C-alpha atoms as a PDB file:
ATOM      1  CA  MET A   1       0.514  -9.619 -15.929  1.00  0.00           C
ATOM      2  CA  LYS A   2       1.745  -7.364 -13.133  1.00  0.00           C
ATOM      3  CA  SER A   3      -0.704  -5.763 -10.724  1.00  0.00           C
ATOM      4  CA  PHE A   4      -0.097  -2.615  -8.703  1.00  0.00           C
ATOM      5  CA  THR A   5      -1.620  -0.387  -6.072  1.00  0.00           C
ATOM      6  CA  VAL A   6      -0.418   2.939  -4.655  1.00  0.00           C
ATOM      7  CA  THR A   7       1.006   3.040  -1.136  1.00  0.00           C
ATOM      8  CA  ALA A   8       2.293   5.859   1.068  1.00  0.00           C
ATOM      9  CA  ASN A   9       2.629   6.844   4.703  1.00  0.00           C
ATOM     10  CA  ARG A  10      -0.040   8.950   6.377  1.00  0.00           C
ATOM     11  CA  THR A  11       1.423  12.333   7.284  1.00  0.00           C
ATOM     12  CA  ALA A  12      -0.394  12.608  10.619  1.00  0.00           C
ATOM     13  CA  ASP A  13       1.005   9.438  12.198  1.00  0.00           C
ATOM     14  CA  GLY A  14       3.258   7.647   9.699  1.00  0.00           C
ATOM     15  CA  ALA A  15       0.872   4.700   9.246  1.00  0.00           C
ATOM     16  CA  VAL A  16       1.084   2.698   6.031  1.00  0.00           C
ATOM     17  CA  VAL A  17      -1.866   3.486   3.760  1.00  0.00           C
ATOM     18  CA  TYR A  18      -3.142   2.404   0.355  1.00  0.00           C
ATOM     19  CA  LEU A  19      -5.193   4.267  -2.232  1.00  0.00           C
ATOM     20  CA  ARG A  20      -8.801   3.147  -2.706  1.00  0.00           C
ATOM     21  CA  ASP A  21     -10.862   3.427  -5.908  1.00  0.00           C
ATOM     22  CA  ASP A  22     -12.585   6.552  -4.524  1.00  0.00           C
ATOM     23  CA  ARG A  23      -9.185   8.250  -4.030  1.00  0.00           C
ATOM     24  CA  GLN A  24      -9.372   8.000  -0.282  1.00  0.00           C
ATOM     25  CA  TRP A  25      -6.580   6.451   1.775  1.00  0.00           C
ATOM     26  CA  THR A  26      -7.034   3.297   3.831  1.00  0.00           C
ATOM     27  CA  ALA A  27      -4.856   1.247   6.151  1.00  0.00           C
ATOM     28  CA  ASP A  28      -6.639  -1.884   4.872  1.00  0.00           C
ATOM     29  CA  LEU A  29      -4.715  -3.377   1.943  1.00  0.00           C
ATOM     30  CA  ALA A  30      -7.725  -5.532   1.042  1.00  0.00           C
ATOM     31  CA  SER A  31      -9.630  -2.298   0.255  1.00  0.00           C
ATOM     32  CA  ALA A  32      -6.918  -0.903  -2.019  1.00  0.00           C
ATOM     33  CA  LEU A  33      -7.437  -0.396  -5.725  1.00  0.00           C
ATOM     34  CA  VAL A  34      -5.489  -2.727  -7.976  1.00  0.00           C
ATOM     35  CA  ARG A  35      -4.600  -1.888 -11.558  1.00  0.00           C
ATOM     36  CA  THR A  36      -2.712  -3.711 -14.290  1.00  0.00           C
ATOM     37  CA  ASP A  37      -2.619  -0.795 -16.739  1.00  0.00           C
ATOM     38  CA  PRO A  38       0.680   1.140 -16.416  1.00  0.00           C
ATOM     39  CA  ALA A  39      -0.904   4.344 -17.791  1.00  0.00           C
ATOM     40  CA  ALA A  40      -3.637   4.240 -15.142  1.00  0.00           C
ATOM     41  CA  MET A  41      -1.028   3.751 -12.428  1.00  0.00           C
ATOM     42  CA  THR A  42       0.975   6.711 -13.752  1.00  0.00           C
ATOM     43  CA  ASP A  43      -2.092   8.959 -13.504  1.00  0.00           C
ATOM     44  CA  LEU A  44      -3.020   7.706 -10.018  1.00  0.00           C
ATOM     45  CA  LEU A  45       0.534   8.107  -8.774  1.00  0.00           C
ATOM     46  CA  ALA A  46       0.707  11.656 -10.141  1.00  0.00           C
ATOM     47  CA  TRP A  47      -2.516  12.484  -8.303  1.00  0.00           C
ATOM     48  CA  ALA A  48      -1.295  10.835  -5.083  1.00  0.00           C
ATOM     49  CA  ARG A  49       1.852  12.955  -5.151  1.00  0.00           C
ATOM     50  CA  THR A  50      -0.337  16.078  -4.936  1.00  0.00           C
ATOM     51  CA  GLN A  51      -1.784  14.872  -1.614  1.00  0.00           C
ATOM     52  CA  GLN A  52       1.158  15.898   0.567  1.00  0.00           C
ATOM     53  CA  ARG A  53      -1.138  17.226   3.264  1.00  0.00           C
ATOM     54  CA  ASP A  54      -2.457  13.694   3.849  1.00  0.00           C
ATOM     55  CA  VAL A  55       0.363  11.361   2.751  1.00  0.00           C
ATOM     56  CA  CYS A  56       4.060  11.413   2.045  1.00  0.00           C
ATOM     57  CA  ASP A  57       6.165   9.587  -0.527  1.00  0.00           C
ATOM     58  CA  PRO A  58       3.505   7.653  -2.458  1.00  0.00           C
ATOM     59  CA  TYR A  59       4.813   4.974  -4.802  1.00  0.00           C
ATOM     60  CA  PRO A  60       3.507   2.022  -6.823  1.00  0.00           C
ATOM     61  CA  LEU A  61       3.411  -1.276  -4.981  1.00  0.00           C
ATOM     62  CA  GLU A  62       3.498  -4.517  -6.951  1.00  0.00           C
ATOM     63  CA  VAL A  63       0.950  -6.998  -5.622  1.00  0.00           C
ATOM     64  CA  GLN A  64      -0.479 -10.353  -6.556  1.00  0.00           C
ATOM     65  CA  VAL A  65      -4.172 -10.958  -6.134  1.00  0.00           C
ATOM     66  CA  GLU A  66      -4.950 -14.001  -4.011  1.00  0.00           C
ATOM     67  CA  ASP A  67      -8.559 -14.943  -3.259  1.00  0.00           C
ATOM     68  CA  GLY A  68      -9.642 -11.518  -4.495  1.00  0.00           C
ATOM     69  CA  ALA A  69      -7.317  -9.572  -2.191  1.00  0.00           C
ATOM     70  CA  PRO A  70      -3.999  -7.886  -3.034  1.00  0.00           C
ATOM     71  CA  THR A  71      -0.896  -9.293  -1.344  1.00  0.00           C
ATOM     72  CA  PRO A  72       2.492  -7.541  -1.505  1.00  0.00           C
ATOM     73  CA  ILE A  73       5.138  -9.455  -3.434  1.00  0.00           C
ATOM     74  CA  GLY A  74       8.319  -8.207  -1.752  1.00  0.00           C
ATOM     75  CA  THR A  75       9.459  -8.998   1.775  1.00  0.00           C
ATOM     76  CA  ARG A  76       9.776  -5.327   2.736  1.00  0.00           C
ATOM     77  CA  GLU A  77       6.223  -4.635   1.627  1.00  0.00           C
ATOM     78  CA  ARG A  78       4.839  -7.696   3.428  1.00  0.00           C
ATOM     79  CA  ILE A  79       6.476  -6.380   6.608  1.00  0.00           C
ATOM     80  CA  ARG A  80       5.027  -2.896   6.025  1.00  0.00           C
ATOM     81  CA  ALA A  81       1.562  -4.374   5.420  1.00  0.00           C
ATOM     82  CA  ALA A  82       1.677  -6.560   8.543  1.00  0.00           C
ATOM     83  CA  GLY A  83       3.028  -3.789  10.738  1.00  0.00           C
ATOM     84  CA  PRO A  84       6.042  -3.842  13.034  1.00  0.00           C
ATOM     85  CA  GLU A  85       4.318  -5.571  15.938  1.00  0.00           C
ATOM     86  CA  ALA A  86       3.238  -8.561  13.845  1.00  0.00           C
ATOM     87  CA  THR A  87       6.712  -8.871  12.371  1.00  0.00           C
ATOM     88  CA  LEU A  88       8.405  -8.753  15.782  1.00  0.00           C
ATOM     89  CA  ARG A  89       5.978 -11.364  17.154  1.00  0.00           C
ATOM     90  CA  ALA A  90       6.642 -13.632  14.180  1.00  0.00           C
ATOM     91  CA  LEU A  91      10.363 -13.355  14.860  1.00  0.00           C
ATOM     92  CA  GLY A  92       9.877 -14.093  18.574  1.00  0.00           C
ATOM     93  CA  TYR A  93      10.900 -10.627  19.823  1.00  0.00           C
ATOM     94  CA  ALA A  94       7.604  -9.364  21.225  1.00  0.00           C
ATOM     95  CA  SER A  95       5.351 -10.786  23.903  1.00  0.00           C
END
């Protein structure tokens, strides 16, 4: 069964954010809501797209739940979740 959350970029500073159960945005993926019901995700995504003052380009993010926390499945999304500094350090480019 596939699991999803909603992700976007915060309008104020471009930071990666995730939608929480209370319809607030958080930079903490572990606090993000996770749903398996496609209809629920459709409704949440439609709502998120009305929040252009706070976020831009929301979209569904496929995750797997490991030890109770969502983890992005794709490489691009793992990089987004870790942030650019962590990725550069892992690749040996940053001090």
